Amino acid sequence: MNRFKYFTDQELSGMVDDICYKLDRARELFGHPIVITSGYRTFEQNFSIGGARNSAHLEGKAADIKAPIDAFQREKLMWAFGAAGFKRVESAYRHIHVDIANDDLHPSPYFWQGDDK
């Protein structure tokens, strides 16, 4: 049995509970599936894709989500992330990054436009 309503334990593997609860809540508010393309990463995985050296993914505090193509659905998903408690959100063309990091290297609240590497 999975710990969360909308995601399998495998999809959330290595991520801290706080981000998992927020992702689950965002999915409920969004009303459609959310596809996690990257969650927890090892140093080797992060290095191989060109991730930031101080990436929140390394601590299990970040997730990259496949961005909806439809503009309305994209905006609804962005709203759901905010309503679920995410205060750090990156919007790129093909993905949306959310994280719960909050330290000197990861100021919060923070929204930024990113690019798809």
C-alpha atoms as a PDB file:
ATOM      1  CA  MET A   1       0.000   0.000   0.000  1.00  0.00           C
ATOM      2  CA  ASN A   2       1.308   3.463  -0.901  1.00  0.00           C
ATOM      3  CA  ARG A   3       1.712   6.157   1.738  1.00  0.00           C
ATOM      4  CA  PHE A   4       0.219   8.869  -0.459  1.00  0.00           C
ATOM      5  CA  LYS A   5      -3.072   9.101  -2.320  1.00  0.00           C
ATOM      6  CA  TYR A   6      -1.900  10.102  -5.793  1.00  0.00           C
ATOM      7  CA  PHE A   7       1.716   8.941  -6.026  1.00  0.00           C
ATOM      8  CA  THR A   8       3.399   5.602  -5.603  1.00  0.00           C
ATOM      9  CA  ASP A   9       6.165   5.157  -3.083  1.00  0.00           C
ATOM     10  CA  GLN A  10       8.503   4.538  -6.036  1.00  0.00           C
ATOM     11  CA  GLU A  11       7.652   7.931  -7.623  1.00  0.00           C
ATOM     12  CA  LEU A  12       8.475   9.676  -4.337  1.00  0.00           C
ATOM     13  CA  SER A  13      11.475   7.532  -3.409  1.00  0.00           C
ATOM     14  CA  GLY A  14      14.178   9.462  -1.561  1.00  0.00           C
ATOM     15  CA  MET A  15      12.068  12.605  -1.118  1.00  0.00           C
ATOM     16  CA  VAL A  16      11.341  14.061   2.317  1.00  0.00           C
ATOM     17  CA  ASP A  17       7.785  13.823   3.644  1.00  0.00           C
ATOM     18  CA  ASP A  18       7.085  17.572   3.464  1.00  0.00           C
ATOM     19  CA  ILE A  19       7.506  17.747  -0.314  1.00  0.00           C
ATOM     20  CA  CYS A  20       5.583  14.483  -0.759  1.00  0.00           C
ATOM     21  CA  TYR A  21       2.578  15.831   1.158  1.00  0.00           C
ATOM     22  CA  LYS A  22       2.673  19.063  -0.847  1.00  0.00           C
ATOM     23  CA  LEU A  23       2.879  17.203  -4.162  1.00  0.00           C
ATOM     24  CA  ASP A  24      -0.043  15.005  -3.142  1.00  0.00           C
ATOM     25  CA  ARG A  25      -2.097  18.060  -2.138  1.00  0.00           C
ATOM     26  CA  ALA A  26      -1.226  19.862  -5.405  1.00  0.00           C
ATOM     27  CA  ARG A  27      -2.379  16.805  -7.364  1.00  0.00           C
ATOM     28  CA  GLU A  28      -5.677  16.807  -5.488  1.00  0.00           C
ATOM     29  CA  LEU A  29      -6.219  20.506  -6.177  1.00  0.00           C
ATOM     30  CA  PHE A  30      -5.148  20.207  -9.824  1.00  0.00           C
ATOM     31  CA  GLY A  31      -7.603  17.393 -10.499  1.00  0.00           C
ATOM     32  CA  HIS A  32      -5.383  15.705 -13.114  1.00  0.00           C
ATOM     33  CA  PRO A  33      -2.322  13.464 -12.988  1.00  0.00           C
ATOM     34  CA  ILE A  34       1.031  15.085 -12.271  1.00  0.00           C
ATOM     35  CA  VAL A  35       4.049  13.425 -13.870  1.00  0.00           C
ATOM     36  CA  ILE A  36       7.263  13.655 -11.837  1.00  0.00           C
ATOM     37  CA  THR A  37      10.203  13.561 -14.246  1.00  0.00           C
ATOM     38  CA  SER A  38      12.905  13.971 -11.590  1.00  0.00           C
ATOM     39  CA  GLY A  39      12.779  13.767  -7.804  1.00  0.00           C
ATOM     40  CA  TYR A  40      15.602  12.738  -5.501  1.00  0.00           C
ATOM     41  CA  ARG A  41      18.966  12.542  -7.272  1.00  0.00           C
ATOM     42  CA  THR A  42      22.282  11.065  -6.261  1.00  0.00           C
ATOM     43  CA  PHE A  43      25.378  13.231  -6.801  1.00  0.00           C
ATOM     44  CA  GLU A  44      26.237  11.104  -9.840  1.00  0.00           C
ATOM     45  CA  GLN A  45      22.761  11.494 -11.388  1.00  0.00           C
ATOM     46  CA  ASN A  46      22.756  15.213 -10.717  1.00  0.00           C
ATOM     47  CA  PHE A  47      26.230  15.659 -12.229  1.00  0.00           C
ATOM     48  CA  SER A  48      25.372  13.623 -15.330  1.00  0.00           C
ATOM     49  CA  ILE A  49      22.426  15.882 -16.224  1.00  0.00           C
ATOM     50  CA  GLY A  50      24.228  19.131 -15.421  1.00  0.00           C
ATOM     51  CA  GLY A  51      22.263  19.874 -12.243  1.00  0.00           C
ATOM     52  CA  ALA A  52      23.314  22.625  -9.877  1.00  0.00           C
ATOM     53  CA  ARG A  53      25.954  21.627  -7.297  1.00  0.00           C
ATOM     54  CA  ASN A  54      23.661  22.840  -4.509  1.00  0.00           C
ATOM     55  CA  SER A  55      20.484  21.339  -6.009  1.00  0.00           C
ATOM     56  CA  ALA A  56      17.608  20.669  -3.634  1.00  0.00           C
ATOM     57  CA  HIS A  57      17.143  17.390  -5.539  1.00  0.00           C
ATOM     58  CA  LEU A  58      20.239  16.075  -3.709  1.00  0.00           C
ATOM     59  CA  GLU A  59      18.408  16.389  -0.393  1.00  0.00           C
ATOM     60  CA  GLY A  60      15.098  15.000  -1.646  1.00  0.00           C
ATOM     61  CA  LYS A  61      13.524  18.450  -1.403  1.00  0.00           C
ATOM     62  CA  ALA A  62      12.761  19.083  -5.097  1.00  0.00           C
ATOM     63  CA  ALA A  63      10.749  17.677  -7.970  1.00  0.00           C
ATOM     64  CA  ASP A  64      10.590  18.415 -11.674  1.00  0.00           C
ATOM     65  CA  ILE A  65       7.153  18.019 -13.182  1.00  0.00           C
ATOM     66  CA  LYS A  66       6.172  17.560 -16.829  1.00  0.00           C
ATOM     67  CA  ALA A  67       4.525  20.852 -17.802  1.00  0.00           C
ATOM     68  CA  PRO A  68       1.102  20.732 -19.433  1.00  0.00           C
ATOM     69  CA  ILE A  69       1.027  21.973 -23.023  1.00  0.00           C
ATOM     70  CA  ASP A  70      -2.389  23.612 -22.623  1.00  0.00           C
ATOM     71  CA  ALA A  71      -1.976  27.156 -21.235  1.00  0.00           C
ATOM     72  CA  PHE A  72      -5.025  26.937 -18.960  1.00  0.00           C
ATOM     73  CA  GLN A  73      -3.913  23.608 -17.481  1.00  0.00           C
ATOM     74  CA  ARG A  74      -0.413  24.994 -16.952  1.00  0.00           C
ATOM     75  CA  GLU A  75      -1.764  27.995 -15.039  1.00  0.00           C
ATOM     76  CA  LYS A  76      -4.072  25.759 -13.016  1.00  0.00           C
ATOM     77  CA  LEU A  77      -1.116  23.540 -12.082  1.00  0.00           C
ATOM     78  CA  MET A  78       0.951  26.579 -11.074  1.00  0.00           C
ATOM     79  CA  TRP A  79      -1.969  27.728  -8.901  1.00  0.00           C
ATOM     80  CA  ALA A  80      -2.233  24.255  -7.327  1.00  0.00           C
ATOM     81  CA  PHE A  81       1.451  24.309  -6.398  1.00  0.00           C
ATOM     82  CA  GLY A  82       1.026  27.664  -4.675  1.00  0.00           C
ATOM     83  CA  ALA A  83      -2.157  26.580  -2.909  1.00  0.00           C
ATOM     84  CA  ALA A  84      -0.401  23.398  -1.719  1.00  0.00           C
ATOM     85  CA  GLY A  85       2.267  25.509  -0.020  1.00  0.00           C
ATOM     86  CA  PHE A  86       5.148  25.609  -2.481  1.00  0.00           C
ATOM     87  CA  LYS A  87       7.016  28.906  -2.219  1.00  0.00           C
ATOM     88  CA  ARG A  88       9.822  28.113  -4.685  1.00  0.00           C
ATOM     89  CA  VAL A  89       8.705  27.448  -8.257  1.00  0.00           C
ATOM     90  CA  GLU A  90      10.544  27.514 -11.575  1.00  0.00           C
ATOM     91  CA  SER A  91       8.587  27.635 -14.815  1.00  0.00           C
ATOM     92  CA  ALA A  92      10.266  26.360 -17.980  1.00  0.00           C
ATOM     93  CA  TYR A  93       8.731  25.391 -21.299  1.00  0.00           C
ATOM     94  CA  ARG A  94       8.743  21.600 -20.772  1.00  0.00           C
ATOM     95  CA  HIS A  95       8.939  21.352 -17.001  1.00  0.00           C
ATOM     96  CA  ILE A  96       7.995  22.990 -13.729  1.00  0.00           C
ATOM     97  CA  HIS A  97      10.405  22.704 -10.812  1.00  0.00           C
ATOM     98  CA  VAL A  98       9.127  22.925  -7.243  1.00  0.00           C
ATOM     99  CA  ASP A  99      11.155  22.665  -4.070  1.00  0.00           C
ATOM    100  CA  ILE A 100      10.969  23.262  -0.345  1.00  0.00           C
ATOM    101  CA  ALA A 101      14.564  24.395   0.180  1.00  0.00           C
ATOM    102  CA  ASN A 102      14.880  27.527   2.290  1.00  0.00           C
ATOM    103  CA  ASP A 103      18.393  28.604   3.170  1.00  0.00           C
ATOM    104  CA  ASP A 104      20.944  31.201   2.112  1.00  0.00           C
ATOM    105  CA  LEU A 105      21.431  29.472  -1.242  1.00  0.00           C
ATOM    106  CA  HIS A 106      17.692  28.938  -1.831  1.00  0.00           C
ATOM    107  CA  PRO A 107      15.733  32.066  -0.835  1.00  0.00           C
ATOM    108  CA  SER A 108      12.002  31.716  -0.311  1.00  0.00           C
ATOM    109  CA  PRO A 109       9.544  32.781  -1.617  1.00  0.00           C
ATOM    110  CA  TYR A 110      11.047  32.722  -5.089  1.00  0.00           C
ATOM    111  CA  PHE A 111       9.678  32.298  -8.616  1.00  0.00           C
ATOM    112  CA  TRP A 112      11.882  32.153 -11.676  1.00  0.00           C
ATOM    113  CA  GLN A 113      11.722  31.481 -15.391  1.00  0.00           C
ATOM    114  CA  GLY A 114      14.004  28.637 -16.329  1.00  0.00           C
ATOM    115  CA  ASP A 115      15.119  26.793 -19.396  1.00  0.00           C
ATOM    116  CA  ASP A 116      14.968  23.173 -20.396  1.00  0.00           C
ATOM    117  CA  LYS A 117      18.542  21.882 -20.507  1.00  0.00           C
END
